C-alpha atoms as a PDB file:
ATOM      1  CA  MET A   1      96.622  88.493 105.141  1.00  0.00           C
ATOM      2  CA  VAL A   2      96.026  91.569 103.005  1.00  0.00           C
ATOM      3  CA  ILE A   3      98.546  94.167 101.868  1.00  0.00           C
ATOM      4  CA  GLU A   4      97.153  97.349 103.412  1.00  0.00           C
ATOM      5  CA  HIS A   5      99.366  99.762 101.453  1.00  0.00           C
ATOM      6  CA  VAL A   6     102.822 100.364 100.017  1.00  0.00           C
ATOM      7  CA  ALA A   7     104.701 103.543 100.928  1.00  0.00           C
ATOM      8  CA  ILE A   8     107.212 105.603  98.954  1.00  0.00           C
ATOM      9  CA  TRP A   9     109.513 108.330 100.283  1.00  0.00           C
ATOM     10  CA  THR A  10     109.624 111.374  98.044  1.00  0.00           C
ATOM     11  CA  SER A  11     110.932 114.899  98.123  1.00  0.00           C
ATOM     12  CA  ARG A  12     108.175 115.907  95.646  1.00  0.00           C
ATOM     13  CA  LEU A  13     104.919 114.981  97.348  1.00  0.00           C
ATOM     14  CA  GLU A  14     102.680 117.132  95.176  1.00  0.00           C
ATOM     15  CA  ALA A  15     104.311 116.041  91.888  1.00  0.00           C
ATOM     16  CA  LEU A  16     103.997 112.331  92.732  1.00  0.00           C
ATOM     17  CA  THR A  17     100.407 112.801  93.890  1.00  0.00           C
ATOM     18  CA  ALA A  18      99.542 114.513  90.593  1.00  0.00           C
ATOM     19  CA  PHE A  19     101.326 111.796  88.570  1.00  0.00           C
ATOM     20  CA  TYR A  20      99.461 108.876  90.171  1.00  0.00           C
ATOM     21  CA  ALA A  21      96.141 110.744  90.017  1.00  0.00           C
ATOM     22  CA  ARG A  22      96.417 111.917  86.417  1.00  0.00           C
ATOM     23  CA  PHE A  23      97.974 108.904  84.768  1.00  0.00           C
ATOM     24  CA  LEU A  24      97.012 105.935  86.971  1.00  0.00           C
ATOM     25  CA  GLY A  25      93.558 106.869  88.227  1.00  0.00           C
ATOM     26  CA  ALA A  26      94.382 107.359  91.896  1.00  0.00           C
ATOM     27  CA  ARG A  27      92.212 109.482  94.158  1.00  0.00           C
ATOM     28  CA  ALA A  28      94.185 111.510  96.701  1.00  0.00           C
ATOM     29  CA  GLY A  29      92.994 111.613 100.277  1.00  0.00           C
ATOM     30  CA  PRO A  30      93.505 114.607 102.541  1.00  0.00           C
ATOM     31  CA  PRO A  31      97.124 115.515 103.261  1.00  0.00           C
ATOM     32  CA  TYR A  32      98.460 114.560 106.686  1.00  0.00           C
ATOM     33  CA  ARG A  33     100.966 116.651 108.624  1.00  0.00           C
ATOM     34  CA  SER A  34     102.279 115.393 111.939  1.00  0.00           C
ATOM     35  CA  VAL A  35     102.046 117.815 114.841  1.00  0.00           C
ATOM     36  CA  SER A  36     104.952 116.166 116.673  1.00  0.00           C
ATOM     37  CA  ARG A  37     107.586 115.875 113.941  1.00  0.00           C
ATOM     38  CA  PRO A  38     108.329 117.223 110.463  1.00  0.00           C
ATOM     39  CA  PHE A  39     106.464 114.581 108.479  1.00  0.00           C
ATOM     40  CA  GLU A  40     103.889 114.838 105.686  1.00  0.00           C
ATOM     41  CA  SER A  41     102.030 112.166 103.763  1.00  0.00           C
ATOM     42  CA  CYS A  42      99.140 111.546 101.426  1.00  0.00           C
ATOM     43  CA  PHE A  43      97.272 108.303 100.808  1.00  0.00           C
ATOM     44  CA  LEU A  44      96.201 107.564  97.251  1.00  0.00           C
ATOM     45  CA  SER A  45      93.379 105.090  96.590  1.00  0.00           C
ATOM     46  CA  PHE A  46      93.046 103.201  93.316  1.00  0.00           C
ATOM     47  CA  PRO A  47      89.816 101.843  91.808  1.00  0.00           C
ATOM     48  CA  SER A  48      90.941  98.287  92.673  1.00  0.00           C
ATOM     49  CA  GLY A  49      91.090  99.151  96.380  1.00  0.00           C
ATOM     50  CA  ALA A  50      94.889  99.239  96.482  1.00  0.00           C
ATOM     51  CA  ARG A  51      96.453 102.159  98.356  1.00  0.00           C
ATOM     52  CA  LEU A  52      99.755 103.987  98.039  1.00  0.00           C
ATOM     53  CA  GLU A  53     101.185 106.265 100.729  1.00  0.00           C
ATOM     54  CA  LEU A  54     103.484 109.046  99.574  1.00  0.00           C
ATOM     55  CA  MET A  55     105.680 110.397 102.391  1.00  0.00           C
ATOM     56  CA  ARG A  56     107.986 113.381 102.838  1.00  0.00           C
ATOM     57  CA  LEU A  57     110.161 114.687 105.672  1.00  0.00           C
ATOM     58  CA  PRO A  58     110.400 118.388 104.720  1.00  0.00           C
ATOM     59  CA  ASP A  59     112.938 119.761 107.191  1.00  0.00           C
ATOM     60  CA  LEU A  60     114.723 116.781 108.645  1.00  0.00           C
ATOM     61  CA  ALA A  61     117.247 117.987 111.200  1.00  0.00           C
ATOM     62  CA  PRO A  62     120.648 116.233 111.084  1.00  0.00           C
ATOM     63  CA  ALA A  63     120.247 115.252 114.741  1.00  0.00           C
ATOM     64  CA  ALA A  64     117.198 113.195 113.807  1.00  0.00           C
ATOM     65  CA  GLY A  65     119.371 110.686 111.978  1.00  0.00           C
ATOM     66  CA  PRO A  66     119.944 109.909 108.317  1.00  0.00           C
ATOM     67  CA  ALA A  67     117.318 111.023 105.868  1.00  0.00           C
ATOM     68  CA  PRO A  68     115.368 108.188 104.243  1.00  0.00           C
ATOM     69  CA  ARG A  69     116.248 107.441 100.676  1.00  0.00           C
ATOM     70  CA  VAL A  70     113.788 108.210  97.933  1.00  0.00           C
ATOM     71  CA  GLY A  71     111.902 105.034  97.068  1.00  0.00           C
ATOM     72  CA  LEU A  72     110.200 102.187  98.933  1.00  0.00           C
ATOM     73  CA  ALA A  73     109.594 103.029 102.597  1.00  0.00           C
ATOM     74  CA  HIS A  74     107.628 100.027 103.881  1.00  0.00           C
ATOM     75  CA  LEU A  75     105.020  97.375 103.157  1.00  0.00           C
ATOM     76  CA  ALA A  76     101.935  97.429 105.374  1.00  0.00           C
ATOM     77  CA  PHE A  77      99.818  94.347 106.051  1.00  0.00           C
ATOM     78  CA  THR A  78      96.402  94.388 107.698  1.00  0.00           C
ATOM     79  CA  VAL A  79      96.566  91.531 110.194  1.00  0.00           C
ATOM     80  CA  GLY A  80      93.290  91.957 112.085  1.00  0.00           C
ATOM     81  CA  SER A  81      92.650  93.615 115.437  1.00  0.00           C
ATOM     82  CA  PRO A  82      95.047  95.543 117.710  1.00  0.00           C
ATOM     83  CA  ALA A  83      95.373  92.311 119.715  1.00  0.00           C
ATOM     84  CA  ASP A  84      96.494  90.545 116.512  1.00  0.00           C
ATOM     85  CA  VAL A  85      99.101  93.263 115.903  1.00  0.00           C
ATOM     86  CA  ASP A  86     100.371  92.798 119.479  1.00  0.00           C
ATOM     87  CA  ARG A  87     100.442  88.977 119.175  1.00  0.00           C
ATOM     88  CA  LEU A  88     102.222  88.856 115.818  1.00  0.00           C
ATOM     89  CA  THR A  89     104.725  91.521 116.881  1.00  0.00           C
ATOM     90  CA  GLU A  90     105.619  89.464 119.958  1.00  0.00           C
ATOM     91  CA  GLU A  91     105.808  86.262 117.894  1.00  0.00           C
ATOM     92  CA  LEU A  92     108.190  87.839 115.374  1.00  0.00           C
ATOM     93  CA  GLY A  93     110.348  89.342 118.125  1.00  0.00           C
ATOM     94  CA  ALA A  94     110.551  85.977 119.895  1.00  0.00           C
ATOM     95  CA  ALA A  95     111.579  84.374 116.590  1.00  0.00           C
ATOM     96  CA  GLY A  96     114.569  86.722 116.417  1.00  0.00           C
ATOM     97  CA  PHE A  97     113.287  89.358 114.018  1.00  0.00           C
ATOM     98  CA  VAL A  98     113.984  93.000 114.801  1.00  0.00           C
ATOM     99  CA  VAL A  99     110.983  94.879 116.151  1.00  0.00           C
ATOM    100  CA  GLU A 100     111.782  98.414 115.079  1.00  0.00           C
ATOM    101  CA  GLY A 101     108.553  99.966 116.343  1.00  0.00           C
ATOM    102  CA  ARG A 102     106.464  98.621 119.217  1.00  0.00           C
ATOM    103  CA  PRO A 103     102.673  98.558 118.730  1.00  0.00           C
ATOM    104  CA  ARG A 104     101.174 102.023 119.066  1.00  0.00           C
ATOM    105  CA  ARG A 105      98.415 104.309 117.859  1.00  0.00           C
ATOM    106  CA  THR A 106      99.854 106.717 115.277  1.00  0.00           C
ATOM    107  CA  GLY A 107      98.961 110.372 114.804  1.00  0.00           C
ATOM    108  CA  ASP A 108      96.871 109.527 111.750  1.00  0.00           C
ATOM    109  CA  GLY A 109      94.849 106.885 113.593  1.00  0.00           C
ATOM    110  CA  TYR A 110      96.545 103.592 112.728  1.00  0.00           C
ATOM    111  CA  TYR A 111      97.344 100.942 115.319  1.00  0.00           C
ATOM    112  CA  GLU A 112     100.573  99.443 114.054  1.00  0.00           C
ATOM    113  CA  SER A 113     103.992  98.034 114.763  1.00  0.00           C
ATOM    114  CA  VAL A 114     107.073  97.812 112.558  1.00  0.00           C
ATOM    115  CA  VAL A 115     109.278  94.731 112.121  1.00  0.00           C
ATOM    116  CA  LEU A 116     112.192  94.134 109.789  1.00  0.00           C
ATOM    117  CA  ASP A 117     112.128  91.256 107.330  1.00  0.00           C
ATOM    118  CA  PRO A 118     115.298  89.159 106.844  1.00  0.00           C
ATOM    119  CA  ASP A 119     116.651  91.740 104.351  1.00  0.00           C
ATOM    120  CA  GLY A 120     115.938  94.665 106.674  1.00  0.00           C
ATOM    121  CA  ASN A 121     112.847  95.930 104.825  1.00  0.00           C
ATOM    122  CA  ARG A 122     110.308  97.647 107.075  1.00  0.00           C
ATOM    123  CA  VAL A 123     107.023  95.748 107.408  1.00  0.00           C
ATOM    124  CA  GLU A 124     104.133  97.465 109.160  1.00  0.00           C
ATOM    125  CA  LEU A 125     101.585  95.253 110.891  1.00  0.00           C
ATOM    126  CA  VAL A 126      98.311  97.187 110.920  1.00  0.00           C
ATOM    127  CA  ALA A 127      94.984  96.650 112.676  1.00  0.00           C
ATOM    128  CA  GLY A 128      92.010  96.598 110.336  1.00  0.00           C
ATOM    129  CA  ALA A 129      89.704  99.581 110.347  1.00  0.00           C
END
């Protein structure tokens, strides 16, 4: 099991990107903007191979639900193939854990699902590239 990335919600995407690049040696990837919802993100890669995703919802409509808090958004674990994502998602659901997001291909190319850990933290299960 490998931590794929850690994600942080922010209202200041550019400022956080500049901070991690300038002071901690991160290299910013291309910005991502969803075509289906008001969502923006940027992946930062560190020399060690670790990655950090910075995420922003610029114009969240009240009808879309509560805005996420600034801070930790989720932990993402690479678990293997899409079939492994499907299997582990089903296993966790059968064990009584909340499956918040069924396995799917995301707009930025990931195959992932989202489950909640016992404290309600979002854990993404991601297929390896």
